[in-house]
Amino acid sequence: MSTMVEFSIVPVGSGVSLSPVIAEVMKIVIASGVSYRINAMGTILEGEWDAIMGVVKNCHNLVMQHAERAITTIKIDDRKGKDARMDKKLETVEQKLGMILKK
């Protein structure tokens, strides 16, 4: 089974610029070894449930070290019998469009 999670964490009360904290969060994601893609609004992880949720928890805890409050949003997509869906989902849409999408 393949689990994909898209998550975003917003530190509240730590100023307007989020990039310094997000850079620290990404260090956790990268070090985890879990497959990931970052976008302007969040990060997508793909792998085993416990590993993914552990990464999200560690990232949330890190943000709480820098802010009085953190709002973490999580979307979960589980699918039996399919792996490596993060890339395949985009490739399928690109095939149907007949063009490469911006990434």
PDB file of N, CA and C in Angstrom:
ATOM      1  N   MET A   1       0.849  -1.179   0.000  1.00  0.00           N
ATOM      2  CA  MET A   1       0.000   0.000   0.000  1.00  0.00           C
ATOM      3  C   MET A   1       0.888   1.233   0.000  1.00  0.00           C
ATOM      4  N   SER A   2       0.467   2.223  -0.719  1.00  0.00           N
ATOM      5  CA  SER A   2       1.186   3.479  -0.799  1.00  0.00           C
ATOM      6  C   SER A   2       0.381   4.559  -0.089  1.00  0.00           C
ATOM      7  N   THR A   3       1.034   5.251   0.798  1.00  0.00           N
ATOM      8  CA  THR A   3       0.402   6.366   1.490  1.00  0.00           C
ATOM      9  C   THR A   3       1.080   7.648   1.039  1.00  0.00           C
ATOM     10  N   MET A   4       0.269   8.612   0.646  1.00  0.00           N
ATOM     11  CA  MET A   4       0.777   9.943   0.343  1.00  0.00           C
ATOM     12  C   MET A   4       0.129  10.920   1.311  1.00  0.00           C
ATOM     13  N   VAL A   5       0.945  11.825   1.814  1.00  0.00           N
ATOM     14  CA  VAL A   5       0.464  12.848   2.737  1.00  0.00           C
ATOM     15  C   VAL A   5       0.965  14.192   2.241  1.00  0.00           C
ATOM     16  N   GLU A   6       0.051  15.134   2.125  1.00  0.00           N
ATOM     17  CA  GLU A   6       0.456  16.516   1.887  1.00  0.00           C
ATOM     18  C   GLU A   6       0.247  17.261   3.190  1.00  0.00           C
ATOM     19  N   PHE A   7       1.281  17.966   3.630  1.00  0.00           N
ATOM     20  CA  PHE A   7       1.138  18.703   4.878  1.00  0.00           C
ATOM     21  C   PHE A   7       1.746  20.090   4.745  1.00  0.00           C
ATOM     22  N   SER A   8       1.224  20.978   5.558  1.00  0.00           N
ATOM     23  CA  SER A   8       1.805  22.313   5.688  1.00  0.00           C
ATOM     24  C   SER A   8       1.716  22.701   7.155  1.00  0.00           C
ATOM     25  N   ILE A   9       2.717  23.438   7.587  1.00  0.00           N
ATOM     26  CA  ILE A   9       2.768  23.891   8.978  1.00  0.00           C
ATOM     27  C   ILE A   9       2.973  25.399   8.961  1.00  0.00           C
ATOM     28  N   VAL A  10       2.119  26.090   9.670  1.00  0.00           N
ATOM     29  CA  VAL A  10       2.218  27.542   9.752  1.00  0.00           C
ATOM     30  C   VAL A  10       2.527  27.924  11.197  1.00  0.00           C
ATOM     31  N   PRO A  11       3.715  28.485  11.423  1.00  0.00           N
ATOM     32  CA  PRO A  11       4.007  28.993  12.763  1.00  0.00           C
ATOM     33  C   PRO A  11       3.235  30.297  12.983  1.00  0.00           C
ATOM     34  N   VAL A  12       2.603  30.421  14.111  1.00  0.00           N
ATOM     35  CA  VAL A  12       1.813  31.614  14.419  1.00  0.00           C
ATOM     36  C   VAL A  12       2.553  32.418  15.482  1.00  0.00           C
ATOM     37  N   GLY A  13       2.702  33.714  15.192  1.00  0.00           N
ATOM     38  CA  GLY A  13       3.338  34.598  16.158  1.00  0.00           C
ATOM     39  C   GLY A  13       4.852  34.659  16.030  1.00  0.00           C
ATOM     40  N   SER A  14       5.386  34.242  14.873  1.00  0.00           N
ATOM     41  CA  SER A  14       6.846  34.270  14.710  1.00  0.00           C
ATOM     42  C   SER A  14       7.265  35.178  13.563  1.00  0.00           C
ATOM     43  N   GLY A  15       6.404  36.126  13.197  1.00  0.00           N
ATOM     44  CA  GLY A  15       6.750  37.070  12.144  1.00  0.00           C
ATOM     45  C   GLY A  15       6.127  36.703  10.814  1.00  0.00           C
ATOM     46  N   VAL A  16       6.426  37.507   9.802  1.00  0.00           N
ATOM     47  CA  VAL A  16       5.823  37.361   8.485  1.00  0.00           C
ATOM     48  C   VAL A  16       6.563  36.338   7.629  1.00  0.00           C
ATOM     49  N   SER A  17       7.881  36.343   7.668  1.00  0.00           N
ATOM     50  CA  SER A  17       8.669  35.446   6.818  1.00  0.00           C
ATOM     51  C   SER A  17       8.723  34.044   7.426  1.00  0.00           C
ATOM     52  N   LEU A  18       8.299  33.060   6.641  1.00  0.00           N
ATOM     53  CA  LEU A  18       8.280  31.677   7.115  1.00  0.00           C
ATOM     54  C   LEU A  18       9.463  30.864   6.615  1.00  0.00           C
ATOM     55  N   SER A  19      10.196  31.373   5.636  1.00  0.00           N
ATOM     56  CA  SER A  19      11.245  30.578   4.993  1.00  0.00           C
ATOM     57  C   SER A  19      12.337  30.073   5.938  1.00  0.00           C
ATOM     58  N   PRO A  20      12.767  30.818   6.959  1.00  0.00           N
ATOM     59  CA  PRO A  20      13.800  30.261   7.845  1.00  0.00           C
ATOM     60  C   PRO A  20      13.324  28.986   8.569  1.00  0.00           C
ATOM     61  N   VAL A  21      12.093  28.990   9.048  1.00  0.00           N
ATOM     62  CA  VAL A  21      11.562  27.812   9.745  1.00  0.00           C
ATOM     63  C   VAL A  21      11.293  26.684   8.751  1.00  0.00           C
ATOM     64  N   ILE A  22      10.782  27.027   7.575  1.00  0.00           N
ATOM     65  CA  ILE A  22      10.511  26.003   6.559  1.00  0.00           C
ATOM     66  C   ILE A  22      11.816  25.326   6.132  1.00  0.00           C
ATOM     67  N   ALA A  23      12.887  26.081   6.026  1.00  0.00           N
ATOM     68  CA  ALA A  23      14.187  25.487   5.681  1.00  0.00           C
ATOM     69  C   ALA A  23      14.608  24.467   6.740  1.00  0.00           C
ATOM     70  N   GLU A  24      14.362  24.768   8.003  1.00  0.00           N
ATOM     71  CA  GLU A  24      14.688  23.821   9.077  1.00  0.00           C
ATOM     72  C   GLU A  24      13.785  22.588   9.004  1.00  0.00           C
ATOM     73  N   VAL A  25      12.515  22.794   8.684  1.00  0.00           N
ATOM     74  CA  VAL A  25      11.580  21.684   8.521  1.00  0.00           C
ATOM     75  C   VAL A  25      12.053  20.767   7.388  1.00  0.00           C
ATOM     76  N   MET A  26      12.489  21.360   6.287  1.00  0.00           N
ATOM     77  CA  MET A  26      12.932  20.566   5.140  1.00  0.00           C
ATOM     78  C   MET A  26      14.173  19.737   5.464  1.00  0.00           C
ATOM     79  N   LYS A  27      15.000  20.200   6.375  1.00  0.00           N
ATOM     80  CA  LYS A  27      16.153  19.395   6.802  1.00  0.00           C
ATOM     81  C   LYS A  27      15.677  18.087   7.435  1.00  0.00           C
ATOM     82  N   ILE A  28      14.598  18.152   8.203  1.00  0.00           N
ATOM     83  CA  ILE A  28      14.021  16.942   8.810  1.00  0.00           C
ATOM     84  C   ILE A  28      13.474  16.024   7.726  1.00  0.00           C
ATOM     85  N   VAL A  29      12.747  16.592   6.774  1.00  0.00           N
ATOM     86  CA  VAL A  29      12.156  15.805   5.688  1.00  0.00           C
ATOM     87  C   VAL A  29      13.263  15.097   4.900  1.00  0.00           C
ATOM     88  N   ILE A  30      14.277  15.828   4.511  1.00  0.00           N
ATOM     89  CA  ILE A  30      15.371  15.268   3.709  1.00  0.00           C
ATOM     90  C   ILE A  30      16.101  14.171   4.473  1.00  0.00           C
ATOM     91  N   ALA A  31      16.409  14.428   5.744  1.00  0.00           N
ATOM     92  CA  ALA A  31      17.137  13.449   6.565  1.00  0.00           C
ATOM     93  C   ALA A  31      16.330  12.177   6.804  1.00  0.00           C
ATOM     94  N   SER A  32      15.007  12.260   6.697  1.00  0.00           N
ATOM     95  CA  SER A  32      14.150  11.099   6.963  1.00  0.00           C
ATOM     96  C   SER A  32      14.312  10.000   5.916  1.00  0.00           C
ATOM     97  N   GLY A  33      14.708  10.368   4.721  1.00  0.00           N
ATOM     98  CA  GLY A  33      14.808   9.389   3.643  1.00  0.00           C
ATOM     99  C   GLY A  33      13.481   9.080   2.981  1.00  0.00           C
ATOM    100  N   VAL A  34      12.397   9.685   3.445  1.00  0.00           N
ATOM    101  CA  VAL A  34      11.079   9.486   2.855  1.00  0.00           C
ATOM    102  C   VAL A  34      11.022  10.263   1.537  1.00  0.00           C
ATOM    103  N   SER A  35      10.388   9.685   0.541  1.00  0.00           N
ATOM    104  CA  SER A  35      10.237  10.339  -0.751  1.00  0.00           C
ATOM    105  C   SER A  35       9.373  11.588  -0.568  1.00  0.00           C
ATOM    106  N   TYR A  36       9.784  12.712  -1.171  1.00  0.00           N
ATOM    107  CA  TYR A  36       9.049  13.963  -0.961  1.00  0.00           C
ATOM    108  C   TYR A  36       9.091  14.845  -2.200  1.00  0.00           C
ATOM    109  N   ARG A  37       8.151  15.778  -2.248  1.00  0.00           N
ATOM    110  CA  ARG A  37       8.118  16.869  -3.216  1.00  0.00           C
ATOM    111  C   ARG A  37       7.648  18.091  -2.430  1.00  0.00           C
ATOM    112  N   ILE A  38       8.342  19.197  -2.616  1.00  0.00           N
ATOM    113  CA  ILE A  38       7.925  20.447  -1.970  1.00  0.00           C
ATOM    114  C   ILE A  38       7.272  21.326  -3.029  1.00  0.00           C
ATOM    115  N   ASN A  39       6.283  22.084  -2.619  1.00  0.00           N
ATOM    116  CA  ASN A  39       5.674  23.070  -3.501  1.00  0.00           C
ATOM    117  C   ASN A  39       5.482  24.357  -2.712  1.00  0.00           C
ATOM    118  N   ALA A  40       4.954  25.356  -3.337  1.00  0.00           N
ATOM    119  CA  ALA A  40       4.842  26.662  -2.692  1.00  0.00           C
ATOM    120  C   ALA A  40       3.904  26.678  -1.497  1.00  0.00           C
ATOM    121  N   MET A  41       3.025  25.679  -1.380  1.00  0.00           N
ATOM    122  CA  MET A  41       2.028  25.684  -0.321  1.00  0.00           C
ATOM    123  C   MET A  41       2.157  24.535   0.672  1.00  0.00           C
ATOM    124  N   GLY A  42       3.146  23.646   0.473  1.00  0.00           N
ATOM    125  CA  GLY A  42       3.284  22.520   1.384  1.00  0.00           C
ATOM    126  C   GLY A  42       4.285  21.504   0.868  1.00  0.00           C
ATOM    127  N   THR A  43       4.249  20.342   1.473  1.00  0.00           N
ATOM    128  CA  THR A  43       5.162  19.255   1.120  1.00  0.00           C
ATOM    129  C   THR A  43       4.363  17.969   1.014  1.00  0.00           C
ATOM    130  N   ILE A  44       4.678  17.158   0.001  1.00  0.00           N
ATOM    131  CA  ILE A  44       4.045  15.858  -0.182  1.00  0.00           C
ATOM    132  C   ILE A  44       5.067  14.787   0.181  1.00  0.00           C
ATOM    133  N   LEU A  45       4.651  13.833   0.998  1.00  0.00           N
ATOM    134  CA  LEU A  45       5.481  12.693   1.379  1.00  0.00           C
ATOM    135  C   LEU A  45       4.819  11.428   0.857  1.00  0.00           C
ATOM    136  N   GLU A  46       5.639  10.426   0.499  1.00  0.00           N
ATOM    137  CA  GLU A  46       5.094   9.144   0.063  1.00  0.00           C
ATOM    138  C   GLU A  46       5.911   8.028   0.676  1.00  0.00           C
ATOM    139  N   GLY A  47       5.207   7.042   1.233  1.00  0.00           N
ATOM    140  CA  GLY A  47       5.889   5.901   1.842  1.00  0.00           C
ATOM    141  C   GLY A  47       4.979   5.169   2.800  1.00  0.00           C
ATOM    142  N   GLU A  48       5.594   4.602   3.823  1.00  0.00           N
ATOM    143  CA  GLU A  48       4.851   3.860   4.842  1.00  0.00           C
ATOM    144  C   GLU A  48       4.244   4.823   5.863  1.00  0.00           C
ATOM    145  N   TRP A  49       3.041   4.486   6.302  1.00  0.00           N
ATOM    146  CA  TRP A  49       2.264   5.335   7.224  1.00  0.00           C
ATOM    147  C   TRP A  49       3.086   5.817   8.420  1.00  0.00           C
ATOM    148  N   ASP A  50       3.687   4.881   9.174  1.00  0.00           N
ATOM    149  CA  ASP A  50       4.392   5.264  10.403  1.00  0.00           C
ATOM    150  C   ASP A  50       5.562   6.192  10.126  1.00  0.00           C
ATOM    151  N   ALA A  51       6.290   5.925   9.058  1.00  0.00           N
ATOM    152  CA  ALA A  51       7.432   6.771   8.712  1.00  0.00           C
ATOM    153  C   ALA A  51       6.967   8.187   8.357  1.00  0.00           C
ATOM    154  N   ILE A  52       5.934   8.266   7.538  1.00  0.00           N
ATOM    155  CA  ILE A  52       5.416   9.573   7.123  1.00  0.00           C
ATOM    156  C   ILE A  52       4.885  10.361   8.313  1.00  0.00           C
ATOM    157  N   MET A  53       4.077   9.720   9.129  1.00  0.00           N
ATOM    158  CA  MET A  53       3.497  10.430  10.264  1.00  0.00           C
ATOM    159  C   MET A  53       4.572  10.835  11.275  1.00  0.00           C
ATOM    160  N   GLY A  54       5.623  10.034  11.379  1.00  0.00           N
ATOM    161  CA  GLY A  54       6.752  10.410  12.232  1.00  0.00           C
ATOM    162  C   GLY A  54       7.445  11.668  11.736  1.00  0.00           C
ATOM    163  N   VAL A  55       7.592  11.779  10.423  1.00  0.00           N
ATOM    164  CA  VAL A  55       8.205  12.977   9.842  1.00  0.00           C
ATOM    165  C   VAL A  55       7.340  14.198  10.125  1.00  0.00           C
ATOM    166  N   VAL A  56       6.032  14.073   9.897  1.00  0.00           N
ATOM    167  CA  VAL A  56       5.122  15.201  10.145  1.00  0.00           C
ATOM    168  C   VAL A  56       5.184  15.615  11.616  1.00  0.00           C
ATOM    169  N   LYS A  57       5.190  14.645  12.507  1.00  0.00           N
ATOM    170  CA  LYS A  57       5.266  14.944  13.946  1.00  0.00           C
ATOM    171  C   LYS A  57       6.566  15.670  14.280  1.00  0.00           C
ATOM    172  N   ASN A  58       7.685  15.195  13.750  1.00  0.00           N
ATOM    173  CA  ASN A  58       8.974  15.839  14.022  1.00  0.00           C
ATOM    174  C   ASN A  58       9.007  17.266  13.478  1.00  0.00           C
ATOM    175  N   CYS A  59       8.427  17.465  12.311  1.00  0.00           N
ATOM    176  CA  CYS A  59       8.375  18.808  11.733  1.00  0.00           C
ATOM    177  C   CYS A  59       7.502  19.733  12.580  1.00  0.00           C
ATOM    178  N   HIS A  60       6.354  19.240  13.005  1.00  0.00           N
ATOM    179  CA  HIS A  60       5.466  20.040  13.861  1.00  0.00           C
ATOM    180  C   HIS A  60       6.177  20.425  15.163  1.00  0.00           C
ATOM    181  N   ASN A  61       6.852  19.455  15.774  1.00  0.00           N
ATOM    182  CA  ASN A  61       7.569  19.730  17.019  1.00  0.00           C
ATOM    183  C   ASN A  61       8.666  20.764  16.827  1.00  0.00           C
ATOM    184  N   LEU A  62       9.348  20.725  15.688  1.00  0.00           N
ATOM    185  CA  LEU A  62      10.382  21.718  15.413  1.00  0.00           C
ATOM    186  C   LEU A  62       9.784  23.112  15.312  1.00  0.00           C
ATOM    187  N   VAL A  63       8.670  23.236  14.601  1.00  0.00           N
ATOM    188  CA  VAL A  63       8.024  24.538  14.457  1.00  0.00           C
ATOM    189  C   VAL A  63       7.594  25.063  15.824  1.00  0.00           C
ATOM    190  N   MET A  64       7.126  24.189  16.693  1.00  0.00           N
ATOM    191  CA  MET A  64       6.716  24.609  18.040  1.00  0.00           C
ATOM    192  C   MET A  64       7.892  25.135  18.867  1.00  0.00           C
ATOM    193  N   GLN A  65       9.095  24.781  18.500  1.00  0.00           N
ATOM    194  CA  GLN A  65      10.282  25.325  19.183  1.00  0.00           C
ATOM    195  C   GLN A  65      10.520  26.782  18.787  1.00  0.00           C
ATOM    196  N   HIS A  66       9.949  27.206  17.650  1.00  0.00           N
ATOM    197  CA  HIS A  66      10.179  28.556  17.121  1.00  0.00           C
ATOM    198  C   HIS A  66       8.959  29.456  17.232  1.00  0.00           C
ATOM    199  N   ALA A  67       7.829  28.915  17.659  1.00  0.00           N
ATOM    200  CA  ALA A  67       6.601  29.701  17.702  1.00  0.00           C
ATOM    201  C   ALA A  67       5.772  29.301  18.919  1.00  0.00           C
ATOM    202  N   GLU A  68       4.877  30.190  19.295  1.00  0.00           N
ATOM    203  CA  GLU A  68       3.967  29.903  20.404  1.00  0.00           C
ATOM    204  C   GLU A  68       2.826  28.994  19.987  1.00  0.00           C
ATOM    205  N   ARG A  69       2.607  28.935  18.671  1.00  0.00           N
ATOM    206  CA  ARG A  69       1.495  28.160  18.145  1.00  0.00           C
ATOM    207  C   ARG A  69       1.850  27.686  16.739  1.00  0.00           C
ATOM    208  N   ALA A  70       1.366  26.500  16.376  1.00  0.00           N
ATOM    209  CA  ALA A  70       1.575  25.989  15.018  1.00  0.00           C
ATOM    210  C   ALA A  70       0.276  25.370  14.525  1.00  0.00           C
ATOM    211  N   ILE A  71      -0.058  25.690  13.288  1.00  0.00           N
ATOM    212  CA  ILE A  71      -1.234  25.098  12.660  1.00  0.00           C
ATOM    213  C   ILE A  71      -0.734  24.148  11.582  1.00  0.00           C
ATOM    214  N   THR A  72      -1.002  22.866  11.768  1.00  0.00           N
ATOM    215  CA  THR A  72      -0.567  21.845  10.820  1.00  0.00           C
ATOM    216  C   THR A  72      -1.788  21.272  10.107  1.00  0.00           C
ATOM    217  N   THR A  73      -1.746  21.320   8.788  1.00  0.00           N
ATOM    218  CA  THR A  73      -2.814  20.777   7.958  1.00  0.00           C
ATOM    219  C   THR A  73      -2.282  19.552   7.246  1.00  0.00           C
ATOM    220  N   ILE A  74      -3.057  18.456   7.278  1.00  0.00           N
ATOM    221  CA  ILE A  74      -2.621  17.194   6.687  1.00  0.00           C
ATOM    222  C   ILE A  74      -3.738  16.635   5.804  1.00  0.00           C
ATOM    223  N   LYS A  75      -3.372  16.245   4.564  1.00  0.00           N
ATOM    224  CA  LYS A  75      -4.264  15.501   3.672  1.00  0.00           C
ATOM    225  C   LYS A  75      -3.620  14.138   3.454  1.00  0.00           C
ATOM    226  N   ILE A  76      -4.408  13.076   3.569  1.00  0.00           N
ATOM    227  CA  ILE A  76      -3.898  11.710   3.445  1.00  0.00           C
ATOM    228  C   ILE A  76      -4.593  11.011   2.283  1.00  0.00           C
ATOM    229  N   ASP A  77      -3.781  10.347   1.436  1.00  0.00           N
ATOM    230  CA  ASP A  77      -4.292   9.565   0.311  1.00  0.00           C
ATOM    231  C   ASP A  77      -3.674   8.177   0.404  1.00  0.00           C
ATOM    232  N   ASP A  78      -4.487   7.188   0.759  1.00  0.00           N
ATOM    233  CA  ASP A  78      -4.050   5.783   0.825  1.00  0.00           C
ATOM    234  C   ASP A  78      -4.591   5.047  -0.386  1.00  0.00           C
ATOM    235  N   ARG A  79      -3.768   4.175  -0.954  1.00  0.00           N
ATOM    236  CA  ARG A  79      -4.262   3.347  -2.065  1.00  0.00           C
ATOM    237  C   ARG A  79      -3.596   1.984  -2.007  1.00  0.00           C
ATOM    238  N   LYS A  80      -4.419   0.955  -2.020  1.00  0.00           N
ATOM    239  CA  LYS A  80      -3.919  -0.414  -1.986  1.00  0.00           C
ATOM    240  C   LYS A  80      -3.346  -0.790  -3.344  1.00  0.00           C
ATOM    241  N   GLY A  81      -2.222  -1.526  -3.316  1.00  0.00           N
ATOM    242  CA  GLY A  81      -1.672  -2.112  -4.525  1.00  0.00           C
ATOM    243  C   GLY A  81      -0.932  -1.174  -5.455  1.00  0.00           C
ATOM    244  N   LYS A  82      -0.705   0.044  -5.067  1.00  0.00           N
ATOM    245  CA  LYS A  82       0.009   0.992  -5.924  1.00  0.00           C
ATOM    246  C   LYS A  82       1.159   1.614  -5.141  1.00  0.00           C
ATOM    247  N   ASP A  83       2.294   1.748  -5.815  1.00  0.00           N
ATOM    248  CA  ASP A  83       3.457   2.405  -5.215  1.00  0.00           C
ATOM    249  C   ASP A  83       3.966   3.488  -6.161  1.00  0.00           C
ATOM    250  N   ALA A  84       4.825   4.343  -5.646  1.00  0.00           N
ATOM    251  CA  ALA A  84       5.454   5.412  -6.432  1.00  0.00           C
ATOM    252  C   ALA A  84       4.413   6.235  -7.184  1.00  0.00           C
ATOM    253  N   ARG A  85       3.346   6.595  -6.514  1.00  0.00           N
ATOM    254  CA  ARG A  85       2.238   7.305  -7.151  1.00  0.00           C
ATOM    255  C   ARG A  85       2.508   8.789  -7.335  1.00  0.00           C
ATOM    256  N   MET A  86       3.396   9.349  -6.551  1.00  0.00           N
ATOM    257  CA  MET A  86       3.630  10.789  -6.607  1.00  0.00           C
ATOM    258  C   MET A  86       3.990  11.223  -8.034  1.00  0.00           C
ATOM    259  N   ASP A  87       4.908  10.535  -8.655  1.00  0.00           N
ATOM    260  CA  ASP A  87       5.303  10.869 -10.024  1.00  0.00           C
ATOM    261  C   ASP A  87       4.308  10.343 -11.047  1.00  0.00           C
ATOM    262  N   LYS A  88       3.809   9.138 -10.832  1.00  0.00           N
ATOM    263  CA  LYS A  88       2.903   8.521 -11.803  1.00  0.00           C
ATOM    264  C   LYS A  88       1.612   9.314 -11.975  1.00  0.00           C
ATOM    265  N   LYS A  89       1.109   9.912 -10.895  1.00  0.00           N
ATOM    266  CA  LYS A  89      -0.120  10.689 -10.996  1.00  0.00           C
ATOM    267  C   LYS A  89       0.063  11.860 -11.959  1.00  0.00           C
ATOM    268  N   LEU A  90       1.176  12.549 -11.842  1.00  0.00           N
ATOM    269  CA  LEU A  90       1.443  13.678 -12.734  1.00  0.00           C
ATOM    270  C   LEU A  90       1.680  13.217 -14.164  1.00  0.00           C
ATOM    271  N   GLU A  91       2.432  12.127 -14.324  1.00  0.00           N
ATOM    272  CA  GLU A  91       2.708  11.603 -15.660  1.00  0.00           C
ATOM    273  C   GLU A  91       1.418  11.228 -16.385  1.00  0.00           C
ATOM    274  N   THR A  92       0.477  10.642 -15.671  1.00  0.00           N
ATOM    275  CA  THR A  92      -0.796  10.256 -16.274  1.00  0.00           C
ATOM    276  C   THR A  92      -1.558  11.479 -16.775  1.00  0.00           C
ATOM    277  N   VAL A  93      -1.596  12.526 -15.986  1.00  0.00           N
ATOM    278  CA  VAL A  93      -2.282  13.757 -16.401  1.00  0.00           C
ATOM    279  C   VAL A  93      -1.560  14.372 -17.600  1.00  0.00           C
ATOM    280  N   GLU A  94      -0.231  14.392 -17.567  1.00  0.00           N
ATOM    281  CA  GLU A  94       0.538  14.944 -18.688  1.00  0.00           C
ATOM    282  C   GLU A  94       0.281  14.164 -19.980  1.00  0.00           C
ATOM    283  N   GLN A  95       0.183  12.832 -19.875  1.00  0.00           N
ATOM    284  CA  GLN A  95      -0.111  12.013 -21.055  1.00  0.00           C
ATOM    285  C   GLN A  95      -1.474  12.372 -21.644  1.00  0.00           C
ATOM    286  N   LYS A  96      -2.445  12.562 -20.780  1.00  0.00           N
ATOM    287  CA  LYS A  96      -3.796  12.896 -21.242  1.00  0.00           C
ATOM    288  C   LYS A  96      -3.840  14.297 -21.866  1.00  0.00           C
ATOM    289  N   LEU A  97      -3.021  15.206 -21.330  1.00  0.00           N
ATOM    290  CA  LEU A  97      -2.949  16.564 -21.873  1.00  0.00           C
ATOM    291  C   LEU A  97      -2.105  16.636 -23.141  1.00  0.00           C
ATOM    292  N   GLY A  98      -1.150  15.724 -23.263  1.00  0.00           N
ATOM    293  CA  GLY A  98      -0.206  15.773 -24.375  1.00  0.00           C
ATOM    294  C   GLY A  98       0.852  16.841 -24.202  1.00  0.00           C
ATOM    295  N   MET A  99       1.134  17.166 -22.945  1.00  0.00           N
ATOM    296  CA  MET A  99       2.146  18.195 -22.664  1.00  0.00           C
ATOM    297  C   MET A  99       2.720  18.006 -21.258  1.00  0.00           C
ATOM    298  N   ILE A 100       3.883  18.579 -21.030  1.00  0.00           N
ATOM    299  CA  ILE A 100       4.530  18.550 -19.720  1.00  0.00           C
ATOM    300  C   ILE A 100       4.031  19.740 -18.905  1.00  0.00           C
ATOM    301  N   LEU A 101       3.632  19.488 -17.680  1.00  0.00           N
ATOM    302  CA  LEU A 101       3.171  20.544 -16.782  1.00  0.00           C
ATOM    303  C   LEU A 101       4.355  21.217 -16.079  1.00  0.00           C
ATOM    304  N   LYS A 102       4.171  22.458 -15.679  1.00  0.00           N
ATOM    305  CA  LYS A 102       5.199  23.153 -14.901  1.00  0.00           C
ATOM    306  C   LYS A 102       5.329  22.493 -13.549  1.00  0.00           C
ATOM    307  N   LYS A 103       6.572  22.371 -13.105  1.00  0.00           N
ATOM    308  CA  LYS A 103       6.817  21.778 -11.788  1.00  0.00           C
ATOM    309  C   LYS A 103       7.635  22.706 -10.942  1.00  0.00           C
TER     310      LYS A 103
END
